[in-house]
Amino acid sequence: MTTSQNKPAPNEPSAQPNKPVILQGMGTKLLVLILCAVSFVAGFYAHQARQINHCESLGQVAQKQGSVVICI
């Protein structure tokens, strides 16, 4: 039995069709994956920026070789 606001009663199963267990909460899992990837990339670039700033504070020139920053 549903209430007048078309919400399922507490003892009534939800109106959503049954999804396989692997797909339950897939939106949340995808959001967490995207946030982790963005956080990793942002941390990588922040680390490079700190390395470059450190080289400049020493009065040296920062040279990037691939993903490595070397003070010259």
Protein backbone atom coordinates (compact mmCIF):
# COMPACT_ATOMS: atom_id res chain seq x y z
CA MET A 1 0.00 0.00 0.00
CA THR A 2 1.34 3.42 -0.86
CA THR A 3 0.77 6.70 0.89
CA SER A 4 -0.98 9.65 -0.69
CA GLN A 5 2.39 11.09 -1.81
CA ASN A 6 3.15 8.02 -3.98
CA LYS A 7 5.97 6.85 -1.73
CA PRO A 8 6.25 3.16 -0.94
CA ALA A 9 5.26 2.21 2.57
CA PRO A 10 8.13 1.16 4.90
CA ASN A 11 7.19 -2.53 4.64
CA GLU A 12 6.66 -2.44 0.86
CA PRO A 13 9.52 -3.15 -1.59
CA SER A 14 10.79 -0.15 -3.52
CA ALA A 15 9.40 0.65 -6.94
CA GLN A 16 12.83 0.29 -8.59
CA PRO A 17 13.42 -2.87 -10.58
CA ASN A 18 15.87 -5.32 -9.07
CA LYS A 19 19.39 -4.65 -10.32
CA PRO A 20 22.26 -7.11 -10.26
CA VAL A 21 24.41 -6.70 -7.15
CA ILE A 22 27.38 -5.47 -9.20
CA LEU A 23 25.34 -2.55 -10.57
CA GLN A 24 23.92 -1.40 -7.26
CA GLY A 25 25.51 1.90 -6.33
CA MET A 26 27.37 2.06 -9.65
CA GLY A 27 26.90 5.83 -9.85
CA THR A 28 28.59 6.28 -6.49
CA LYS A 29 31.45 3.96 -7.46
CA LEU A 30 31.97 5.86 -10.70
CA LEU A 31 31.98 9.21 -8.88
CA VAL A 32 34.56 7.93 -6.38
CA LEU A 33 36.74 6.64 -9.23
CA ILE A 34 36.61 10.00 -11.03
CA LEU A 35 37.39 11.92 -7.83
CA CYS A 36 40.36 9.65 -7.09
CA ALA A 37 41.74 10.11 -10.61
CA VAL A 38 41.35 13.90 -10.47
CA SER A 39 42.98 13.99 -7.03
CA PHE A 40 45.94 11.91 -8.25
CA VAL A 41 46.52 14.12 -11.32
CA ALA A 42 46.21 17.31 -9.25
CA GLY A 43 48.68 15.97 -6.69
CA PHE A 44 51.14 15.03 -9.43
CA TYR A 45 51.11 18.53 -10.91
CA ALA A 46 51.27 20.15 -7.47
CA HIS A 47 54.36 18.05 -6.68
CA GLN A 48 56.04 19.15 -9.92
CA ALA A 49 55.22 22.79 -9.14
CA ARG A 50 56.77 22.44 -5.67
CA GLN A 51 59.89 20.91 -7.19
CA ILE A 52 60.19 23.78 -9.68
CA ASN A 53 59.64 26.38 -6.93
CA HIS A 54 62.34 24.72 -4.82
CA CYS A 55 64.81 24.87 -7.71
CA GLU A 56 64.02 28.54 -8.25
CA SER A 57 64.43 29.28 -4.52
CA LEU A 58 67.94 27.80 -4.76
CA GLY A 59 68.69 30.08 -7.71
CA GLN A 60 68.85 27.16 -10.11
CA VAL A 61 66.99 26.43 -13.31
CA ALA A 62 64.43 23.64 -13.31
CA GLN A 63 64.58 21.30 -16.27
CA LYS A 64 61.82 18.77 -16.89
CA GLN A 65 62.88 15.43 -18.34
CA GLY A 66 59.69 13.48 -18.86
CA SER A 67 57.96 13.53 -15.50
CA VAL A 68 61.19 14.28 -13.56
CA VAL A 69 62.26 17.79 -12.57
CA ILE A 70 66.02 18.34 -12.27
CA CYS A 71 67.67 21.43 -10.79
CA ILE A 72 70.58 22.63 -12.94
